[in-house]
Protein backbone atom coordinates (compact mmCIF):
# COMPACT_ATOMS: atom_id res chain seq x y z
CA MET A 1 96.28 84.63 90.98
CA LYS A 2 92.86 85.90 90.18
CA ARG A 3 91.50 89.31 91.99
CA ARG A 4 88.37 88.94 94.06
CA ARG A 5 86.19 91.72 93.95
CA SER A 6 85.04 92.50 97.29
CA CYS A 7 81.16 93.15 97.54
CA LEU A 8 81.87 95.38 100.38
CA PHE A 9 82.04 98.73 98.80
CA ASN A 10 82.40 97.20 95.40
CA MET A 11 86.74 97.64 96.57
CA ILE A 12 89.52 94.83 94.85
CA ALA A 13 90.72 92.35 97.31
CA LEU A 14 94.63 91.77 96.67
CA GLU A 15 95.38 88.03 97.79
CA ALA A 16 98.94 86.78 98.81
CA GLY A 17 101.59 88.43 96.49
CA GLU A 18 99.13 90.10 93.97
CA CYS A 19 99.64 94.26 93.12
CA LEU A 20 97.97 96.99 90.72
CA GLY A 21 101.50 96.91 89.19
CA GLU A 22 103.83 94.70 86.57
CA GLN A 23 106.23 92.67 89.27
CA LEU A 24 110.11 93.24 87.86
CA ASP A 25 111.13 90.56 90.07
CA ALA A 26 109.21 88.73 93.23
CA PHE A 27 111.05 86.64 95.86
CA ARG A 28 109.40 84.51 99.00
CA CYS A 29 110.02 82.84 101.85
CA ASN A 30 108.24 81.80 104.68
CA GLU A 31 105.29 84.10 103.78
CA ILE A 32 107.42 87.07 104.02
CA ARG A 33 107.18 88.02 100.04
CA LEU A 34 109.26 91.55 98.31
CA GLN A 35 108.66 92.45 94.78
CA ARG A 36 109.84 95.38 93.03
CA THR A 37 106.85 96.55 91.06
CA VAL A 38 106.22 98.96 88.21
CA TYR A 39 103.41 101.07 87.73
CA LEU A 40 102.98 102.39 84.34
CA PRO A 41 100.42 104.54 82.62
CA ASP A 42 98.29 102.22 80.56
CA GLN A 43 97.83 99.94 83.53
CA PRO A 44 94.50 100.64 85.58
CA THR A 45 96.26 101.85 89.11
CA ASP A 46 93.34 103.92 91.10
CA ALA A 47 90.98 101.16 91.50
CA MET A 48 89.93 101.45 95.66
CA HIS A 49 91.15 97.97 97.09
CA PHE A 50 93.00 96.32 99.62
CA HIS A 51 95.56 93.94 100.57
CA GLU A 52 95.23 90.67 102.34
CA HIS A 53 97.82 90.36 104.49
CA VAL A 54 100.29 93.54 106.08
CA HIS A 55 101.53 95.51 103.00
CA ILE A 56 104.75 98.23 103.52
CA SER A 57 105.72 99.69 100.31
CA LEU A 58 108.75 102.02 99.62
CA VAL A 59 108.35 104.24 96.73
CA LEU A 60 111.75 104.28 94.82
CA SER A 61 111.35 106.44 92.08
CA GLY A 62 107.72 108.63 90.59
CA GLY A 63 105.04 108.72 93.29
CA ASN A 64 101.64 109.49 94.09
CA LEU A 65 98.79 111.41 95.63
CA GLU A 66 96.83 108.43 97.77
CA ARG A 67 93.56 107.90 99.69
CA LYS A 68 92.95 106.36 103.28
CA LYS A 69 89.19 107.10 104.25
CA SER A 70 88.74 110.73 104.03
CA VAL A 71 92.65 111.26 104.00
CA GLN A 72 94.69 112.28 101.49
CA TYR A 73 98.44 112.26 101.18
CA GLU A 74 101.41 112.33 99.41
CA ARG A 75 104.12 109.78 98.03
CA GLY A 76 107.31 110.49 96.84
CA PRO A 77 110.82 108.82 96.58
CA GLY A 78 112.33 107.21 100.19
CA CYS A 79 108.26 107.41 101.69
CA VAL A 80 107.56 104.27 103.52
CA THR A 81 103.67 103.61 103.84
CA PHE A 82 102.33 100.65 106.25
CA TYR A 83 99.61 99.56 105.33
CA HIS A 84 97.24 96.83 107.67
CA ALA A 85 95.77 93.57 106.58
CA GLY A 86 92.34 94.54 105.21
CA GLU A 87 92.82 98.76 104.78
CA ALA A 88 91.17 100.10 102.03
CA HIS A 89 92.99 102.37 99.87
CA GLN A 90 93.50 104.50 96.41
CA THR A 91 95.82 106.05 94.21
CA ILE A 92 94.03 108.94 92.60
CA HIS A 93 97.04 110.19 90.97
CA LYS A 94 100.80 108.44 89.56
CA ARG A 95 103.80 110.03 88.67
CA PHE A 96 105.03 107.95 85.84
CA PRO A 97 106.88 105.28 85.81
CA ALA A 98 106.31 104.61 89.25
CA GLN A 99 108.79 102.05 91.10
CA HIS A 100 107.86 100.59 94.29
CA LEU A 101 109.39 97.97 96.69
CA ASN A 102 106.07 96.18 98.28
CA LEU A 103 106.81 93.65 101.52
CA GLU A 104 103.78 91.76 102.29
CA VAL A 105 103.77 89.80 105.37
CA GLY A 106 101.90 86.83 106.17
CA ASN A 107 99.67 86.56 109.55
CA SER A 108 101.33 82.63 110.01
CA TRP A 109 104.63 84.23 109.93
CA LEU A 110 103.67 87.33 112.75
CA LYS A 111 102.21 84.63 114.99
CA ARG A 112 105.16 82.08 114.39
CA TYR A 113 107.62 85.18 116.21
CA GLN A 114 104.26 86.00 118.70
CA LEU A 115 103.88 90.07 117.15
CA ASP A 116 101.45 91.56 115.58
CA GLU A 117 100.23 94.44 113.26
CA GLU A 118 101.29 96.90 115.70
CA HIS A 119 104.42 95.72 116.58
CA LEU A 120 105.47 95.74 112.66
CA TYR A 121 103.54 99.23 112.61
CA LYS A 122 105.53 101.19 115.14
CA GLY A 123 108.88 99.75 114.64
CA ILE A 124 108.62 101.45 110.69
CA HIS A 125 106.66 104.74 111.26
CA ALA A 126 108.72 107.38 110.61
CA HIS A 127 112.17 105.72 111.50
CA PRO A 128 114.63 106.54 108.84
CA ASP A 129 116.05 102.97 108.62
CA ALA A 130 112.69 101.70 107.54
CA ALA A 131 113.55 102.49 103.77
CA LEU A 132 117.19 101.43 104.23
CA THR A 133 116.42 98.35 105.92
CA LEU A 134 113.78 97.22 103.07
CA ILE A 135 116.73 98.04 100.49
CA LYS A 136 118.78 95.96 102.13
CA LEU A 137 116.19 93.21 102.10
CA TYR A 138 115.78 93.76 98.55
CA ASN A 139 119.61 93.25 98.43
CA GLU A 140 119.61 90.30 100.13
CA CYS A 141 116.66 88.37 98.21
CA ARG A 142 119.37 88.88 95.19
CA ILE A 143 121.62 87.41 96.47
CA ASN A 144 120.15 84.51 97.39
CA ASP A 145 122.10 82.24 98.89
CA GLY A 146 122.16 79.64 101.71
CA PHE A 147 121.86 82.55 104.38
CA SER A 148 119.19 84.35 102.87
CA ALA A 149 116.04 82.80 103.82
CA ALA A 150 117.40 83.74 107.94
CA SER A 151 118.52 87.07 106.71
CA MET A 152 114.86 87.73 105.41
CA ASP A 153 113.47 86.63 109.01
CA MET A 154 115.94 88.59 110.60
CA LEU A 155 116.15 91.94 108.38
CA VAL A 156 112.23 91.83 109.03
CA GLN A 157 112.05 91.11 112.45
CA SER A 158 115.07 93.85 112.61
CA MET A 159 112.46 96.09 111.80
CA VAL A 160 110.23 95.50 114.76
CA ALA A 161 113.04 96.83 116.73
CA LEU A 162 113.02 99.70 114.88
CA ARG A 163 110.44 100.92 117.02
CA THR A 164 111.23 104.93 118.00
CA THR A 165 111.29 106.14 121.21
CA THR A 166 111.35 109.47 121.08
CA SER A 167 107.52 110.02 121.38
CA VAL A 168 107.94 108.29 124.91
CA GLY A 169 111.06 110.05 126.09
CA PRO A 170 111.33 113.03 127.71
CA PRO A 171 110.59 116.67 125.93
CA TRP A 172 113.93 117.23 125.19
CA VAL A 173 114.19 114.04 122.93
CA ARG A 174 111.46 115.54 120.47
CA ILE A 175 113.19 118.16 120.24
CA ILE A 176 116.40 117.17 119.30
CA HIS A 177 114.46 114.64 117.04
CA GLU A 178 113.06 117.24 114.97
CA LEU A 179 116.12 119.67 114.28
CA LEU A 180 118.15 116.50 112.93
CA GLN A 181 115.15 115.76 110.62
CA ASP A 182 115.17 119.54 109.12
CA ARG A 183 119.15 119.90 109.37
CA TRP A 184 120.01 116.34 108.32
CA SER A 185 122.43 118.19 105.67
CA GLU A 186 124.50 120.57 107.54
CA PRO A 187 127.08 120.14 110.37
CA VAL A 188 125.48 119.12 113.68
CA THR A 189 127.14 119.80 117.28
CA LEU A 190 126.79 118.21 120.62
CA GLN A 191 126.40 121.86 122.23
CA ASP A 192 124.17 122.12 119.14
CA LEU A 193 121.48 119.96 120.43
CA ALA A 194 122.15 120.49 123.86
CA GLY A 195 121.50 124.20 123.25
CA ALA A 196 117.83 123.43 120.93
CA ALA A 197 117.14 120.87 123.78
CA GLY A 198 117.79 123.09 127.36
CA VAL A 199 119.72 120.17 128.62
CA HIS A 200 123.24 119.50 129.64
CA PRO A 201 125.28 118.31 127.02
CA VAL A 202 126.08 115.09 129.49
CA THR A 203 122.58 114.56 129.34
CA VAL A 204 122.51 114.36 125.61
CA SER A 205 125.64 112.24 125.56
CA LYS A 206 123.98 109.74 127.91
CA TYR A 207 120.64 108.74 126.19
CA PHE A 208 120.89 109.37 122.69
CA PRO A 209 121.60 106.05 122.08
CA ARG A 210 118.94 104.60 124.57
CA TYR A 211 116.25 106.83 122.54
CA PHE A 212 117.89 106.65 119.08
CA ASN A 213 119.61 103.41 119.02
CA CYS A 214 122.59 104.32 117.27
CA THR A 215 124.68 107.37 118.12
CA LEU A 216 124.69 110.95 116.46
CA GLY A 217 126.87 109.93 113.45
CA GLU A 218 125.10 107.14 112.65
CA TYR A 219 121.71 108.40 113.14
CA VAL A 220 122.63 111.68 110.78
CA ARG A 221 124.32 108.90 107.85
CA LYS A 222 121.18 107.71 107.32
CA LEU A 223 119.56 110.33 107.43
CA ARG A 224 122.10 111.63 104.37
CA VAL A 225 121.54 108.34 102.55
CA SER A 226 117.70 107.92 102.69
CA ARG A 227 117.46 111.03 100.71
CA ALA A 228 120.47 110.63 98.46
CA LEU A 229 118.88 107.64 97.48
CA SER A 230 115.62 109.59 96.68
CA LEU A 231 117.86 111.93 94.59
CA ILE A 232 119.91 109.08 92.66
CA LYS A 233 116.53 107.12 91.79
CA GLU A 234 114.78 111.01 90.88
CA SER A 235 117.50 112.27 88.99
CA THR A 236 120.48 112.30 86.03
CA ARG A 237 122.15 114.86 87.84
CA PRO A 238 125.97 113.15 88.45
CA LEU A 239 126.79 111.45 92.17
CA ALA A 240 129.63 113.89 92.83
CA GLU A 241 126.95 116.56 93.14
CA ILE A 242 124.55 114.71 95.30
CA ALA A 243 127.35 114.01 97.87
CA TYR A 244 127.60 117.05 98.50
CA GLN A 245 124.25 118.35 98.20
CA CYS A 246 123.32 115.48 101.05
CA GLY A 247 126.59 116.46 103.10
CA PHE A 248 129.05 113.70 102.44
CA ALA A 249 132.69 115.21 102.40
CA ASP A 250 132.88 113.35 98.47
CA GLN A 251 131.76 110.37 96.51
CA SER A 252 133.56 108.09 97.77
CA HIS A 253 132.23 108.67 101.30
CA MET A 254 128.69 108.23 100.24
CA ASN A 255 129.21 105.34 97.91
CA ARG A 256 130.92 103.47 101.40
CA CYS A 257 127.75 104.74 103.51
CA VAL A 258 125.20 103.60 100.53
CA ARG A 259 126.85 100.25 100.56
CA GLU A 260 127.21 99.97 104.29
CA LEU A 261 123.61 100.37 105.30
CA THR A 262 122.04 99.32 102.16
CA GLY A 263 124.17 96.23 99.73
CA PHE A 264 124.08 98.97 96.99
CA LEU A 265 126.72 101.11 95.42
CA PRO A 266 125.00 104.44 94.43
CA GLY A 267 125.27 103.77 90.77
CA ARG A 268 124.15 100.42 90.85
CA PHE A 269 121.40 101.33 93.01
CA ARG A 270 120.26 104.09 90.33
CA GLN A 271 119.87 100.96 87.82
CA LEU A 272 117.33 99.71 89.17
């Protein structure tokens, strides 16, 4: 498909399924497109551009410095970024070789399920499940059996349900959220959480699943797996060393958690 150059700000308009890098593999079902893309030094990746549809990008390896309007931000492995349809952005600098998983969701798909862009944005924003769901979605596409199409639909819709309630809950919920983000690799007790938040342990126990949509153990494991996946792709360190650094009991424990949450074993994920 030929790229259009918009007369507005002389930007490149990327139509459905297009990207500025090289597609390694791509899947499509019901206006959901998922592709694994590599960006190399000899490719022009710094053009100001926008996507025709909602675009969600996970950095698997490498990274980049990017700009939206006048705001610059850095993206590294494990970072998930949401782009509204038609939202202009530009890569200022890339760390090569960079590899991303790019998800594109068409407007008619959203309308079919009575959703809009904001539902997806609020679902994935700063949620530890966002990156894991994208990787699980990619694994489902690779399986490509009679259930893959329905699974793709369900996984994208599940991203809407990820919407975190920590921003609308009582103040102690935000405190616990920040503490877990900071201490994801350390043992954290119920007393630690209650003491930091200034509430009774019973209160934390009762309401944690409501505001975090899972148990404390599940939430911490998701944080640790997300961090481990970044290290697996970015380094050549032994998997056992990464498991220890990320707070797992051993490599086998990490293997089980990574496979449960993504469908991949760590060694296979490193090969992507």
